[in-house]
Amino acid sequence: MSQSSRYDQKLEHILRTSARIFAAKGYHSTSMRDISRATGVSLAGLYHYCKSKDELLFLIQDHCFGCVQERLEQRIRKINDPFEKLRTLIDNHLSFFAANMAEMKVLSHEAESLAGELNERVSAKKEKYARLARKILREIQEQQRTKAQIDLTVAAYALFGMMNWIYNWYDPRGKLSVKQLVDNITRLFLSGFLSPEEAEFALANSPAREKVNIWRTA
């Protein structure tokens, strides 16, 4: 095995173990000493791979967003049907994070834990991924040409909200396989929970929005 391969394997071990600890304890409650003990890598060894705990969190986030986006771009390269592209996006996202639940929790919970340049670099990758999702949704809208169109930003982030919340409730060893999860979320996103007729009725009879305030004196 080459020296670079051993380096990559050790770094992957450090990142995967760190993600598990961050997910369990929280980023701010975890020390580099905790990570050293869990990985079996000395503190000096850890600093050989990353300069700080911030950089360690950055590497986890950067690696995850990079992997999931690269896989998606490869998978949809030869797909023309926008609906198939969307299903592939959902399958790609859920399959990746169902196999990396600790990383998904860290990405969700620690989204604002980075600052400065590291935060900007992760945010740029996230925005690139979101733009790709909006592009696919725009292609679907253009193909359907319906009058009442959902705002693309609302649609994209609603979809990511559905997918990114699975770490709270989904068990890959439970009754739903990843394929069944993908099928359900795809149908729910495209068709809704209700039939079109029932959805129309529910919207038509929804009460007017009222102002809600938790303070009596406001």
N, C-alpha and C. Protein backbone atom coordinates (compact mmCIF):
# COMPACT_ATOMS: atom_id res chain seq x y z
N MET A 1 0.85 -1.20 0.00
CA MET A 1 0.00 0.00 0.00
C MET A 1 0.88 1.24 0.00
N SER A 2 0.56 2.21 -0.83
CA SER A 2 1.37 3.42 -0.93
C SER A 2 1.18 4.29 0.29
N GLN A 3 2.13 5.20 0.51
CA GLN A 3 2.06 6.11 1.65
C GLN A 3 0.83 7.00 1.57
N SER A 4 0.48 7.45 0.35
CA SER A 4 -0.70 8.32 0.18
C SER A 4 -1.98 7.57 0.50
N SER A 5 -2.04 6.27 0.16
CA SER A 5 -3.24 5.47 0.46
C SER A 5 -3.40 5.30 1.96
N ARG A 6 -2.28 5.05 2.66
CA ARG A 6 -2.35 4.92 4.12
C ARG A 6 -2.79 6.23 4.75
N TYR A 7 -2.30 7.34 4.21
CA TYR A 7 -2.69 8.67 4.72
C TYR A 7 -4.19 8.87 4.55
N ASP A 8 -4.71 8.55 3.35
CA ASP A 8 -6.14 8.73 3.08
C ASP A 8 -6.99 7.85 3.98
N GLN A 9 -6.58 6.62 4.21
CA GLN A 9 -7.34 5.71 5.06
C GLN A 9 -7.36 6.20 6.50
N LYS A 10 -6.21 6.68 6.99
CA LYS A 10 -6.16 7.18 8.36
C LYS A 10 -7.02 8.44 8.50
N LEU A 11 -6.96 9.33 7.50
CA LEU A 11 -7.79 10.53 7.55
C LEU A 11 -9.27 10.17 7.52
N GLU A 12 -9.65 9.21 6.69
CA GLU A 12 -11.05 8.78 6.64
C GLU A 12 -11.49 8.21 7.99
N HIS A 13 -10.62 7.43 8.62
CA HIS A 13 -10.92 6.88 9.96
C HIS A 13 -11.13 8.02 10.96
N ILE A 14 -10.28 9.03 10.90
CA ILE A 14 -10.40 10.16 11.82
C ILE A 14 -11.70 10.93 11.57
N LEU A 15 -12.03 11.16 10.31
CA LEU A 15 -13.24 11.92 9.98
C LEU A 15 -14.50 11.16 10.38
N ARG A 16 -14.55 9.86 10.06
CA ARG A 16 -15.74 9.07 10.38
C ARG A 16 -15.93 8.98 11.90
N THR A 17 -14.85 8.75 12.63
CA THR A 17 -14.95 8.66 14.10
C THR A 17 -15.32 10.01 14.70
N SER A 18 -14.75 11.07 14.18
CA SER A 18 -15.06 12.42 14.69
C SER A 18 -16.53 12.75 14.45
N ALA A 19 -17.05 12.39 13.28
CA ALA A 19 -18.46 12.64 12.98
C ALA A 19 -19.36 11.91 13.98
N ARG A 20 -19.00 10.69 14.31
CA ARG A 20 -19.80 9.92 15.28
C ARG A 20 -19.78 10.59 16.65
N ILE A 21 -18.62 11.11 17.06
CA ILE A 21 -18.52 11.76 18.37
C ILE A 21 -19.25 13.11 18.36
N PHE A 22 -19.07 13.89 17.29
CA PHE A 22 -19.79 15.16 17.18
C PHE A 22 -21.30 14.94 17.22
N ALA A 23 -21.76 13.89 16.54
CA ALA A 23 -23.20 13.60 16.50
C ALA A 23 -23.72 13.23 17.89
N ALA A 24 -22.91 12.51 18.67
CA ALA A 24 -23.34 12.06 19.99
C ALA A 24 -23.22 13.15 21.06
N LYS A 25 -22.12 13.90 21.04
CA LYS A 25 -21.84 14.86 22.11
C LYS A 25 -22.08 16.31 21.72
N GLY A 26 -22.10 16.57 20.42
CA GLY A 26 -22.15 17.95 19.95
C GLY A 26 -20.74 18.45 19.69
N TYR A 27 -20.59 19.27 18.67
CA TYR A 27 -19.27 19.76 18.26
C TYR A 27 -18.59 20.54 19.38
N HIS A 28 -19.32 21.46 20.00
CA HIS A 28 -18.71 22.34 20.99
C HIS A 28 -18.36 21.62 22.29
N SER A 29 -19.00 20.48 22.55
CA SER A 29 -18.71 19.73 23.77
C SER A 29 -17.64 18.67 23.57
N THR A 30 -17.13 18.56 22.36
CA THR A 30 -16.11 17.57 22.03
C THR A 30 -14.74 18.24 21.98
N SER A 31 -13.76 17.60 22.59
CA SER A 31 -12.39 18.11 22.55
C SER A 31 -11.54 17.26 21.62
N MET A 32 -10.42 17.80 21.21
CA MET A 32 -9.48 17.03 20.40
C MET A 32 -8.97 15.83 21.18
N ARG A 33 -8.90 15.94 22.50
CA ARG A 33 -8.48 14.80 23.32
C ARG A 33 -9.51 13.67 23.23
N ASP A 34 -10.81 14.03 23.19
CA ASP A 34 -11.86 13.01 23.02
C ASP A 34 -11.64 12.26 21.71
N ILE A 35 -11.35 13.01 20.66
CA ILE A 35 -11.16 12.42 19.34
C ILE A 35 -9.90 11.56 19.32
N SER A 36 -8.85 12.02 19.99
CA SER A 36 -7.62 11.26 20.07
C SER A 36 -7.86 9.90 20.73
N ARG A 37 -8.61 9.91 21.85
CA ARG A 37 -8.89 8.65 22.54
C ARG A 37 -9.71 7.71 21.67
N ALA A 38 -10.75 8.26 21.00
CA ALA A 38 -11.65 7.41 20.21
C ALA A 38 -10.98 6.84 18.96
N THR A 39 -10.08 7.61 18.37
CA THR A 39 -9.44 7.17 17.12
C THR A 39 -8.17 6.36 17.37
N GLY A 40 -7.61 6.50 18.58
CA GLY A 40 -6.33 5.84 18.84
C GLY A 40 -5.18 6.56 18.20
N VAL A 41 -5.40 7.81 17.79
CA VAL A 41 -4.35 8.62 17.18
C VAL A 41 -3.91 9.67 18.20
N SER A 42 -2.62 9.82 18.38
CA SER A 42 -2.13 10.79 19.36
C SER A 42 -2.54 12.21 18.96
N LEU A 43 -2.51 13.12 19.94
CA LEU A 43 -2.84 14.52 19.64
C LEU A 43 -1.90 15.07 18.57
N ALA A 44 -0.63 14.76 18.69
CA ALA A 44 0.33 15.22 17.68
C ALA A 44 -0.01 14.64 16.32
N GLY A 45 -0.44 13.38 16.31
CA GLY A 45 -0.84 12.74 15.05
C GLY A 45 -2.07 13.40 14.45
N LEU A 46 -3.05 13.76 15.31
CA LEU A 46 -4.25 14.43 14.81
C LEU A 46 -3.90 15.75 14.14
N TYR A 47 -3.01 16.51 14.77
CA TYR A 47 -2.65 17.81 14.21
C TYR A 47 -1.81 17.68 12.94
N HIS A 48 -1.32 16.48 12.68
CA HIS A 48 -0.67 16.23 11.39
C HIS A 48 -1.69 16.21 10.26
N TYR A 49 -2.94 15.76 10.59
CA TYR A 49 -3.99 15.64 9.58
C TYR A 49 -4.87 16.89 9.51
N CYS A 50 -5.01 17.60 10.60
CA CYS A 50 -5.83 18.82 10.59
C CYS A 50 -5.26 19.80 11.61
N LYS A 51 -5.33 21.09 11.31
CA LYS A 51 -4.70 22.11 12.15
C LYS A 51 -5.50 22.41 13.40
N SER A 52 -6.82 22.13 13.36
CA SER A 52 -7.67 22.51 14.48
C SER A 52 -8.96 21.70 14.43
N LYS A 53 -9.76 21.82 15.50
CA LYS A 53 -11.06 21.16 15.52
C LYS A 53 -11.98 21.77 14.45
N ASP A 54 -11.85 23.07 14.22
CA ASP A 54 -12.64 23.72 13.16
C ASP A 54 -12.33 23.10 11.81
N GLU A 55 -11.05 22.88 11.54
CA GLU A 55 -10.69 22.29 10.26
C GLU A 55 -11.20 20.86 10.14
N LEU A 56 -11.25 20.15 11.27
CA LEU A 56 -11.78 18.79 11.27
C LEU A 56 -13.26 18.80 10.89
N LEU A 57 -14.03 19.72 11.48
CA LEU A 57 -15.45 19.84 11.13
C LEU A 57 -15.61 20.24 9.67
N PHE A 58 -14.76 21.15 9.22
CA PHE A 58 -14.79 21.56 7.82
C PHE A 58 -14.56 20.37 6.90
N LEU A 59 -13.57 19.55 7.20
CA LEU A 59 -13.25 18.40 6.35
C LEU A 59 -14.41 17.41 6.27
N ILE A 60 -15.11 17.22 7.39
CA ILE A 60 -16.28 16.33 7.38
C ILE A 60 -17.35 16.91 6.46
N GLN A 61 -17.68 18.18 6.63
CA GLN A 61 -18.72 18.81 5.83
C GLN A 61 -18.33 18.87 4.36
N ASP A 62 -17.11 19.28 4.10
CA ASP A 62 -16.63 19.41 2.73
C ASP A 62 -16.62 18.05 2.02
N HIS A 63 -16.17 17.03 2.72
CA HIS A 63 -16.11 15.69 2.14
C HIS A 63 -17.52 15.18 1.81
N CYS A 64 -18.45 15.35 2.74
CA CYS A 64 -19.82 14.85 2.52
C CYS A 64 -20.50 15.56 1.36
N PHE A 65 -20.47 16.89 1.36
CA PHE A 65 -21.12 17.63 0.27
C PHE A 65 -20.44 17.35 -1.06
N GLY A 66 -19.11 17.20 -1.03
CA GLY A 66 -18.40 16.89 -2.26
C GLY A 66 -18.79 15.53 -2.81
N CYS A 67 -18.85 14.53 -1.94
CA CYS A 67 -19.18 13.16 -2.38
C CYS A 67 -20.60 13.06 -2.93
N VAL A 68 -21.57 13.61 -2.18
CA VAL A 68 -22.96 13.46 -2.60
C VAL A 68 -23.23 14.20 -3.90
N GLN A 69 -22.56 15.34 -4.08
CA GLN A 69 -22.76 16.12 -5.31
C GLN A 69 -22.08 15.46 -6.50
N GLU A 70 -20.86 14.99 -6.32
CA GLU A 70 -20.15 14.32 -7.41
C GLU A 70 -20.89 13.07 -7.87
N ARG A 71 -21.41 12.29 -6.92
CA ARG A 71 -22.16 11.08 -7.27
C ARG A 71 -23.40 11.44 -8.07
N LEU A 72 -24.09 12.52 -7.65
CA LEU A 72 -25.30 12.92 -8.36
C LEU A 72 -24.98 13.37 -9.78
N GLU A 73 -23.97 14.20 -9.94
CA GLU A 73 -23.62 14.69 -11.27
C GLU A 73 -23.26 13.54 -12.21
N GLN A 74 -22.56 12.54 -11.69
CA GLN A 74 -22.22 11.37 -12.51
C GLN A 74 -23.47 10.58 -12.90
N ARG A 75 -24.39 10.44 -11.96
CA ARG A 75 -25.57 9.60 -12.19
C ARG A 75 -26.58 10.23 -13.16
N ILE A 76 -26.67 11.57 -13.16
CA ILE A 76 -27.69 12.20 -14.02
C ILE A 76 -27.12 12.65 -15.36
N ARG A 77 -25.83 12.42 -15.57
CA ARG A 77 -25.16 12.93 -16.77
C ARG A 77 -25.86 12.48 -18.06
N LYS A 78 -26.33 11.23 -18.10
CA LYS A 78 -26.94 10.71 -19.32
C LYS A 78 -28.46 10.58 -19.22
N ILE A 79 -29.05 11.23 -18.21
CA ILE A 79 -30.50 11.19 -18.03
C ILE A 79 -31.11 12.46 -18.62
N ASN A 80 -32.13 12.31 -19.45
CA ASN A 80 -32.79 13.46 -20.06
C ASN A 80 -34.11 13.80 -19.37
N ASP A 81 -34.82 12.79 -18.88
CA ASP A 81 -36.13 13.01 -18.26
C ASP A 81 -35.95 13.71 -16.91
N PRO A 82 -36.51 14.90 -16.72
CA PRO A 82 -36.32 15.63 -15.45
C PRO A 82 -36.92 14.90 -14.25
N PHE A 83 -38.00 14.13 -14.47
CA PHE A 83 -38.59 13.37 -13.36
C PHE A 83 -37.63 12.27 -12.90
N GLU A 84 -36.96 11.65 -13.84
CA GLU A 84 -35.98 10.63 -13.50
C GLU A 84 -34.76 11.27 -12.81
N LYS A 85 -34.41 12.47 -13.24
CA LYS A 85 -33.33 13.19 -12.58
C LYS A 85 -33.69 13.47 -11.11
N LEU A 86 -34.94 13.87 -10.89
CA LEU A 86 -35.37 14.18 -9.53
C LEU A 86 -35.35 12.92 -8.66
N ARG A 87 -35.87 11.83 -9.20
CA ARG A 87 -35.84 10.58 -8.43
C ARG A 87 -34.41 10.18 -8.12
N THR A 88 -33.50 10.38 -9.08
CA THR A 88 -32.09 10.05 -8.87
C THR A 88 -31.49 10.94 -7.78
N LEU A 89 -31.85 12.23 -7.79
CA LEU A 89 -31.38 13.14 -6.74
C LEU A 89 -31.82 12.64 -5.36
N ILE A 90 -33.10 12.28 -5.26
CA ILE A 90 -33.64 11.82 -3.97
C ILE A 90 -32.97 10.51 -3.56
N ASP A 91 -32.84 9.59 -4.50
CA ASP A 91 -32.20 8.30 -4.21
C ASP A 91 -30.74 8.51 -3.81
N ASN A 92 -30.04 9.36 -4.52
CA ASN A 92 -28.63 9.62 -4.26
C ASN A 92 -28.44 10.21 -2.86
N HIS A 93 -29.26 11.20 -2.53
CA HIS A 93 -29.16 11.89 -1.24
C HIS A 93 -29.49 10.94 -0.09
N LEU A 94 -30.61 10.24 -0.20
CA LEU A 94 -31.05 9.38 0.89
C LEU A 94 -30.16 8.15 1.05
N SER A 95 -29.72 7.57 -0.06
CA SER A 95 -28.84 6.40 0.02
C SER A 95 -27.53 6.76 0.69
N PHE A 96 -26.98 7.92 0.32
CA PHE A 96 -25.71 8.35 0.90
C PHE A 96 -25.84 8.59 2.40
N PHE A 97 -26.87 9.34 2.79
CA PHE A 97 -26.96 9.71 4.20
C PHE A 97 -27.56 8.62 5.08
N ALA A 98 -28.33 7.68 4.48
CA ALA A 98 -28.79 6.53 5.26
C ALA A 98 -27.59 5.67 5.67
N ALA A 99 -26.55 5.72 4.87
CA ALA A 99 -25.32 4.99 5.19
C ALA A 99 -24.36 5.82 6.03
N ASN A 100 -24.69 7.10 6.21
CA ASN A 100 -23.82 8.03 6.95
C ASN A 100 -24.66 8.93 7.84
N MET A 101 -25.42 8.31 8.75
CA MET A 101 -26.38 9.06 9.55
C MET A 101 -25.70 10.04 10.52
N ALA A 102 -24.56 9.65 11.08
CA ALA A 102 -23.86 10.55 12.00
C ALA A 102 -23.42 11.81 11.25
N GLU A 103 -22.93 11.61 10.02
CA GLU A 103 -22.49 12.75 9.22
C GLU A 103 -23.66 13.66 8.89
N MET A 104 -24.84 13.07 8.60
CA MET A 104 -26.02 13.89 8.30
C MET A 104 -26.41 14.74 9.51
N LYS A 105 -26.35 14.14 10.69
CA LYS A 105 -26.70 14.89 11.90
C LYS A 105 -25.72 16.04 12.12
N VAL A 106 -24.44 15.78 11.90
CA VAL A 106 -23.43 16.83 12.07
C VAL A 106 -23.66 17.95 11.06
N LEU A 107 -23.94 17.60 9.81
CA LEU A 107 -24.18 18.62 8.78
C LEU A 107 -25.38 19.48 9.14
N SER A 108 -26.42 18.86 9.73
CA SER A 108 -27.63 19.61 10.08
C SER A 108 -27.43 20.45 11.34
N HIS A 109 -26.86 19.84 12.38
CA HIS A 109 -26.74 20.52 13.68
C HIS A 109 -25.61 21.54 13.73
N GLU A 110 -24.56 21.29 12.98
CA GLU A 110 -23.38 22.15 13.08
C GLU A 110 -23.21 23.03 11.85
N ALA A 111 -24.31 23.32 11.16
CA ALA A 111 -24.24 24.12 9.93
C ALA A 111 -23.66 25.51 10.19
N GLU A 112 -23.89 26.06 11.39
CA GLU A 112 -23.42 27.42 11.69
C GLU A 112 -22.21 27.44 12.61
N SER A 113 -21.59 26.29 12.83
CA SER A 113 -20.47 26.23 13.78
C SER A 113 -19.15 26.71 13.18
N LEU A 114 -19.07 26.71 11.87
CA LEU A 114 -17.87 27.22 11.21
C LEU A 114 -18.02 28.71 10.91
N ALA A 115 -16.89 29.41 10.88
CA ALA A 115 -16.92 30.84 10.57
C ALA A 115 -15.84 31.15 9.54
N GLY A 116 -15.89 32.37 9.01
CA GLY A 116 -14.85 32.84 8.12
C GLY A 116 -14.75 32.06 6.82
N GLU A 117 -13.53 31.84 6.38
CA GLU A 117 -13.29 31.22 5.08
C GLU A 117 -13.80 29.78 5.01
N LEU A 118 -13.66 29.04 6.11
CA LEU A 118 -14.12 27.65 6.11
C LEU A 118 -15.63 27.58 5.90
N ASN A 119 -16.35 28.48 6.58
CA ASN A 119 -17.81 28.54 6.41
C ASN A 119 -18.17 28.92 4.98
N GLU A 120 -17.44 29.87 4.40
CA GLU A 120 -17.71 30.32 3.03
C GLU A 120 -17.50 29.19 2.03
N ARG A 121 -16.48 28.38 2.24
CA ARG A 121 -16.19 27.29 1.32
C ARG A 121 -17.26 26.20 1.37
N VAL A 122 -17.72 25.88 2.58
CA VAL A 122 -18.80 24.90 2.71
C VAL A 122 -20.09 25.46 2.14
N SER A 123 -20.39 26.72 2.44
CA SER A 123 -21.62 27.36 1.94
C SER A 123 -21.65 27.38 0.42
N ALA A 124 -20.48 27.59 -0.21
CA ALA A 124 -20.42 27.60 -1.67
C ALA A 124 -20.78 26.23 -2.24
N LYS A 125 -20.32 25.17 -1.60
CA LYS A 125 -20.67 23.82 -2.07
C LYS A 125 -22.15 23.53 -1.86
N LYS A 126 -22.69 23.95 -0.72
CA LYS A 126 -24.12 23.75 -0.45
C LYS A 126 -24.97 24.48 -1.46
N GLU A 127 -24.58 25.72 -1.78
CA GLU A 127 -25.36 26.51 -2.74
C GLU A 127 -25.28 25.91 -4.14
N LYS A 128 -24.13 25.37 -4.50
CA LYS A 128 -23.99 24.71 -5.81
C LYS A 128 -24.92 23.51 -5.89
N TYR A 129 -25.01 22.76 -4.81
CA TYR A 129 -25.90 21.59 -4.74
C TYR A 129 -27.36 22.04 -4.83
N ALA A 130 -27.71 23.10 -4.11
CA ALA A 130 -29.09 23.62 -4.14
C ALA A 130 -29.44 24.13 -5.53
N ARG A 131 -28.48 24.77 -6.22
CA ARG A 131 -28.73 25.25 -7.58
C ARG A 131 -29.03 24.09 -8.52
N LEU A 132 -28.33 23.00 -8.36
CA LEU A 132 -28.57 21.83 -9.19
C LEU A 132 -29.98 21.28 -8.95
N ALA A 133 -30.40 21.25 -7.68
CA ALA A 133 -31.77 20.80 -7.37
C ALA A 133 -32.80 21.73 -7.99
N ARG A 134 -32.59 23.05 -7.88
CA ARG A 134 -33.53 24.01 -8.48
C ARG A 134 -33.58 23.87 -10.00
N LYS A 135 -32.45 23.59 -10.61
CA LYS A 135 -32.40 23.40 -12.07
C LYS A 135 -33.26 22.21 -12.48
N ILE A 136 -33.17 21.12 -11.74
CA ILE A 136 -33.98 19.93 -12.04
C ILE A 136 -35.46 20.25 -11.86
N LEU A 137 -35.80 20.95 -10.78
CA LEU A 137 -37.20 21.30 -10.53
C LEU A 137 -37.73 22.27 -11.59
N ARG A 138 -36.87 23.17 -12.05
CA ARG A 138 -37.27 24.10 -13.12
C ARG A 138 -37.59 23.32 -14.40
N GLU A 139 -36.79 22.33 -14.72
CA GLU A 139 -37.02 21.50 -15.91
C GLU A 139 -38.37 20.79 -15.81
N ILE A 140 -38.72 20.34 -14.61
CA ILE A 140 -40.03 19.69 -14.42
C ILE A 140 -41.15 20.69 -14.64
N GLN A 141 -41.02 21.89 -14.06
CA GLN A 141 -42.03 22.93 -14.24
C GLN A 141 -42.21 23.28 -15.72
N GLU A 142 -41.12 23.42 -16.43
CA GLU A 142 -41.20 23.79 -17.84
C GLU A 142 -41.85 22.69 -18.67
N GLN A 143 -41.64 21.46 -18.27
CA GLN A 143 -42.26 20.35 -18.99
C GLN A 143 -43.76 20.29 -18.71
N GLN A 144 -44.15 20.60 -17.48
CA GLN A 144 -45.57 20.50 -17.09
C GLN A 144 -46.37 21.72 -17.54
N ARG A 145 -45.76 22.89 -17.48
CA ARG A 145 -46.41 24.15 -17.88
C ARG A 145 -47.76 24.38 -17.19
N THR A 146 -47.81 24.14 -15.89
CA THR A 146 -49.04 24.39 -15.15
C THR A 146 -49.13 25.86 -14.76
N LYS A 147 -50.34 26.34 -14.53
CA LYS A 147 -50.54 27.76 -14.21
C LYS A 147 -50.04 28.08 -12.80
N ALA A 148 -50.47 27.26 -11.82
CA ALA A 148 -50.09 27.52 -10.43
C ALA A 148 -48.77 26.82 -10.14
N GLN A 149 -47.67 27.57 -10.24
CA GLN A 149 -46.35 26.97 -10.03
C GLN A 149 -45.78 27.37 -8.67
N ILE A 150 -45.18 26.39 -8.02
CA ILE A 150 -44.56 26.62 -6.72
C ILE A 150 -43.22 27.33 -6.93
N ASP A 151 -42.90 28.26 -6.04
CA ASP A 151 -41.61 28.94 -6.10
C ASP A 151 -40.49 27.90 -5.99
N LEU A 152 -39.50 28.01 -6.85
CA LEU A 152 -38.45 26.99 -6.93
C LEU A 152 -37.59 26.92 -5.66
N THR A 153 -37.34 28.06 -5.05
CA THR A 153 -36.54 28.05 -3.81
C THR A 153 -37.32 27.37 -2.70
N VAL A 154 -38.62 27.67 -2.60
CA VAL A 154 -39.47 27.00 -1.60
C VAL A 154 -39.46 25.49 -1.85
N ALA A 155 -39.65 25.11 -3.11
CA ALA A 155 -39.70 23.68 -3.45
C ALA A 155 -38.39 22.97 -3.13
N ALA A 156 -37.27 23.59 -3.51
CA ALA A 156 -35.96 22.95 -3.30
C ALA A 156 -35.67 22.76 -1.81
N TYR A 157 -35.90 23.81 -1.02
CA TYR A 157 -35.58 23.69 0.40
C TYR A 157 -36.61 22.85 1.16
N ALA A 158 -37.84 22.79 0.67
CA ALA A 158 -38.82 21.88 1.26
C ALA A 158 -38.37 20.43 1.04
N LEU A 159 -37.88 20.16 -0.16
CA LEU A 159 -37.39 18.81 -0.47
C LEU A 159 -36.20 18.45 0.42
N PHE A 160 -35.23 19.36 0.53
CA PHE A 160 -34.08 19.09 1.38
C PHE A 160 -34.49 18.94 2.84
N GLY A 161 -35.49 19.72 3.26
CA GLY A 161 -35.98 19.59 4.63
C GLY A 161 -36.55 18.20 4.89
N MET A 162 -37.32 17.67 3.94
CA MET A 162 -37.87 16.32 4.08
C MET A 162 -36.74 15.28 4.17
N MET A 163 -35.74 15.43 3.31
CA MET A 163 -34.68 14.43 3.24
C MET A 163 -33.70 14.53 4.41
N ASN A 164 -33.39 15.74 4.82
CA ASN A 164 -32.36 15.92 5.84
C ASN A 164 -32.84 15.62 7.25
N TRP A 165 -34.15 15.46 7.42
CA TRP A 165 -34.70 15.20 8.76
C TRP A 165 -34.70 13.71 9.11
N ILE A 166 -34.34 12.86 8.16
CA ILE A 166 -34.49 11.41 8.39
C ILE A 166 -33.62 10.90 9.52
N TYR A 167 -32.52 11.58 9.82
CA TYR A 167 -31.65 11.06 10.88
C TYR A 167 -32.37 11.03 12.23
N ASN A 168 -33.48 11.79 12.37
CA ASN A 168 -34.24 11.82 13.62
C ASN A 168 -35.16 10.62 13.80
N TRP A 169 -35.51 9.98 12.69
CA TRP A 169 -36.53 8.93 12.84
C TRP A 169 -36.25 7.67 12.02
N TYR A 170 -35.46 7.75 10.97
CA TYR A 170 -35.31 6.61 10.06
C TYR A 170 -34.25 5.64 10.58
N ASP A 171 -34.60 4.34 10.55
CA ASP A 171 -33.68 3.28 10.91
C ASP A 171 -33.49 2.39 9.68
N PRO A 172 -32.30 2.40 9.08
CA PRO A 172 -32.07 1.57 7.88
C PRO A 172 -32.32 0.09 8.11
N ARG A 173 -32.30 -0.34 9.39
CA ARG A 173 -32.55 -1.76 9.70
C ARG A 173 -34.02 -2.01 10.04
N GLY A 174 -34.85 -0.95 9.95
CA GLY A 174 -36.26 -1.07 10.32
C GLY A 174 -37.13 -1.58 9.18
N LYS A 175 -38.44 -1.27 9.27
CA LYS A 175 -39.40 -1.84 8.32
C LYS A 175 -39.28 -1.27 6.92
N LEU A 176 -38.75 -0.05 6.80
CA LEU A 176 -38.62 0.58 5.48
C LEU A 176 -37.20 0.43 4.95
N SER A 177 -37.08 -0.17 3.78
CA SER A 177 -35.77 -0.19 3.13
C SER A 177 -35.47 1.21 2.58
N VAL A 178 -34.23 1.45 2.20
CA VAL A 178 -33.88 2.74 1.61
C VAL A 178 -34.68 2.96 0.33
N LYS A 179 -34.85 1.91 -0.46
CA LYS A 179 -35.63 2.02 -1.71
C LYS A 179 -37.07 2.44 -1.41
N GLN A 180 -37.68 1.85 -0.38
CA GLN A 180 -39.05 2.21 -0.01
C GLN A 180 -39.11 3.65 0.50
N LEU A 181 -38.08 4.05 1.23
CA LEU A 181 -38.01 5.43 1.71
C LEU A 181 -37.95 6.39 0.53
N VAL A 182 -37.11 6.08 -0.44
CA VAL A 182 -36.99 6.91 -1.65
C VAL A 182 -38.33 6.97 -2.38
N ASP A 183 -39.00 5.83 -2.55
CA ASP A 183 -40.30 5.80 -3.23
C ASP A 183 -41.32 6.69 -2.52
N ASN A 184 -41.40 6.57 -1.20
CA ASN A 184 -42.38 7.34 -0.43
C ASN A 184 -42.12 8.84 -0.50
N ILE A 185 -40.87 9.24 -0.33
CA ILE A 185 -40.57 10.67 -0.35
C ILE A 185 -40.73 11.24 -1.75
N THR A 186 -40.38 10.47 -2.78
CA THR A 186 -40.57 10.94 -4.15
C THR A 186 -42.06 11.15 -4.44
N ARG A 187 -42.89 10.18 -4.06
CA ARG A 187 -44.34 10.31 -4.30
C ARG A 187 -44.92 11.44 -3.48
N LEU A 188 -44.49 11.55 -2.24
CA LEU A 188 -45.02 12.61 -1.37
C LEU A 188 -44.66 13.98 -1.91
N PHE A 189 -43.43 14.14 -2.39
CA PHE A 189 -43.00 15.43 -2.91
C PHE A 189 -43.70 15.77 -4.22
N LEU A 190 -43.86 14.80 -5.11
CA LEU A 190 -44.44 15.07 -6.42
C LEU A 190 -45.97 15.13 -6.40
N SER A 191 -46.58 14.27 -5.58
CA SER A 191 -48.05 14.16 -5.62
C SER A 191 -48.73 14.66 -4.36
N GLY A 192 -47.99 14.84 -3.28
CA GLY A 192 -48.60 15.29 -2.04
C GLY A 192 -49.19 14.14 -1.27
N PHE A 193 -49.61 14.43 -0.05
CA PHE A 193 -50.21 13.41 0.81
C PHE A 193 -51.65 13.12 0.39
N LEU A 194 -52.34 14.14 -0.11
CA LEU A 194 -53.74 14.01 -0.53
C LEU A 194 -53.83 13.86 -2.05
N SER A 195 -54.96 13.35 -2.50
CA SER A 195 -55.22 13.33 -3.94
C SER A 195 -55.43 14.77 -4.39
N PRO A 196 -55.27 15.08 -5.68
CA PRO A 196 -55.47 16.46 -6.17
C PRO A 196 -56.82 17.04 -5.78
N GLU A 197 -57.89 16.22 -5.84
CA GLU A 197 -59.24 16.70 -5.51
C GLU A 197 -59.32 17.07 -4.03
N GLU A 198 -58.76 16.20 -3.17
CA GLU A 198 -58.81 16.46 -1.73
C GLU A 198 -57.95 17.67 -1.37
N ALA A 199 -56.82 17.81 -2.05
CA ALA A 199 -55.94 18.94 -1.78
C ALA A 199 -56.63 20.25 -2.15
N GLU A 200 -57.35 20.25 -3.27
CA GLU A 200 -58.08 21.45 -3.69
C GLU A 200 -59.11 21.84 -2.65
N PHE A 201 -59.82 20.84 -2.14
CA PHE A 201 -60.85 21.07 -1.12
C PHE A 201 -60.21 21.64 0.15
N ALA A 202 -59.09 21.07 0.56
CA ALA A 202 -58.42 21.52 1.79
C ALA A 202 -57.95 22.96 1.67
N LEU A 203 -57.40 23.34 0.52
CA LEU A 203 -56.92 24.70 0.32
C LEU A 203 -58.08 25.69 0.25
N ALA A 204 -59.16 25.28 -0.42
CA ALA A 204 -60.31 26.17 -0.57
C ALA A 204 -60.96 26.47 0.77
N ASN A 205 -60.88 25.53 1.71
CA ASN A 205 -61.56 25.70 2.99
C ASN A 205 -60.61 26.07 4.14
N SER A 206 -59.39 26.42 3.80
CA SER A 206 -58.45 26.79 4.86
C SER A 206 -58.84 28.15 5.42
N PRO A 207 -58.76 28.31 6.77
CA PRO A 207 -59.16 29.59 7.39
C PRO A 207 -58.18 30.70 7.04
N ALA A 208 -58.65 31.92 7.15
CA ALA A 208 -57.78 33.07 6.91
C ALA A 208 -56.67 33.08 7.95
N ARG A 209 -55.50 33.54 7.55
CA ARG A 209 -54.36 33.56 8.46
C ARG A 209 -54.60 34.57 9.58
N GLU A 210 -54.39 34.13 10.83
CA GLU A 210 -54.53 35.05 11.93
C GLU A 210 -53.18 35.35 12.56
N LYS A 211 -53.09 36.51 13.16
CA LYS A 211 -51.84 36.90 13.80
C LYS A 211 -51.71 36.17 15.11
N VAL A 212 -50.58 35.49 15.29
CA VAL A 212 -50.37 34.70 16.51
C VAL A 212 -49.19 35.28 17.26
N ASN A 213 -49.39 35.55 18.54
CA ASN A 213 -48.30 36.05 19.35
C ASN A 213 -48.34 35.34 20.70
N ILE A 214 -47.17 34.92 21.20
CA ILE A 214 -47.16 34.17 22.45
C ILE A 214 -47.26 35.07 23.67
N TRP A 215 -47.10 36.40 23.48
CA TRP A 215 -47.14 37.32 24.62
C TRP A 215 -48.50 38.01 24.71
N ARG A 216 -49.10 37.98 25.88
CA ARG A 216 -50.43 38.55 26.05
C ARG A 216 -50.44 40.06 25.86
N THR A 217 -49.34 40.72 26.25
CA THR A 217 -49.32 42.19 26.23
C THR A 217 -48.90 42.77 24.90
N ALA A 218 -48.52 41.92 23.94
CA ALA A 218 -48.01 42.44 22.66
C ALA A 218 -49.16 43.00 21.82
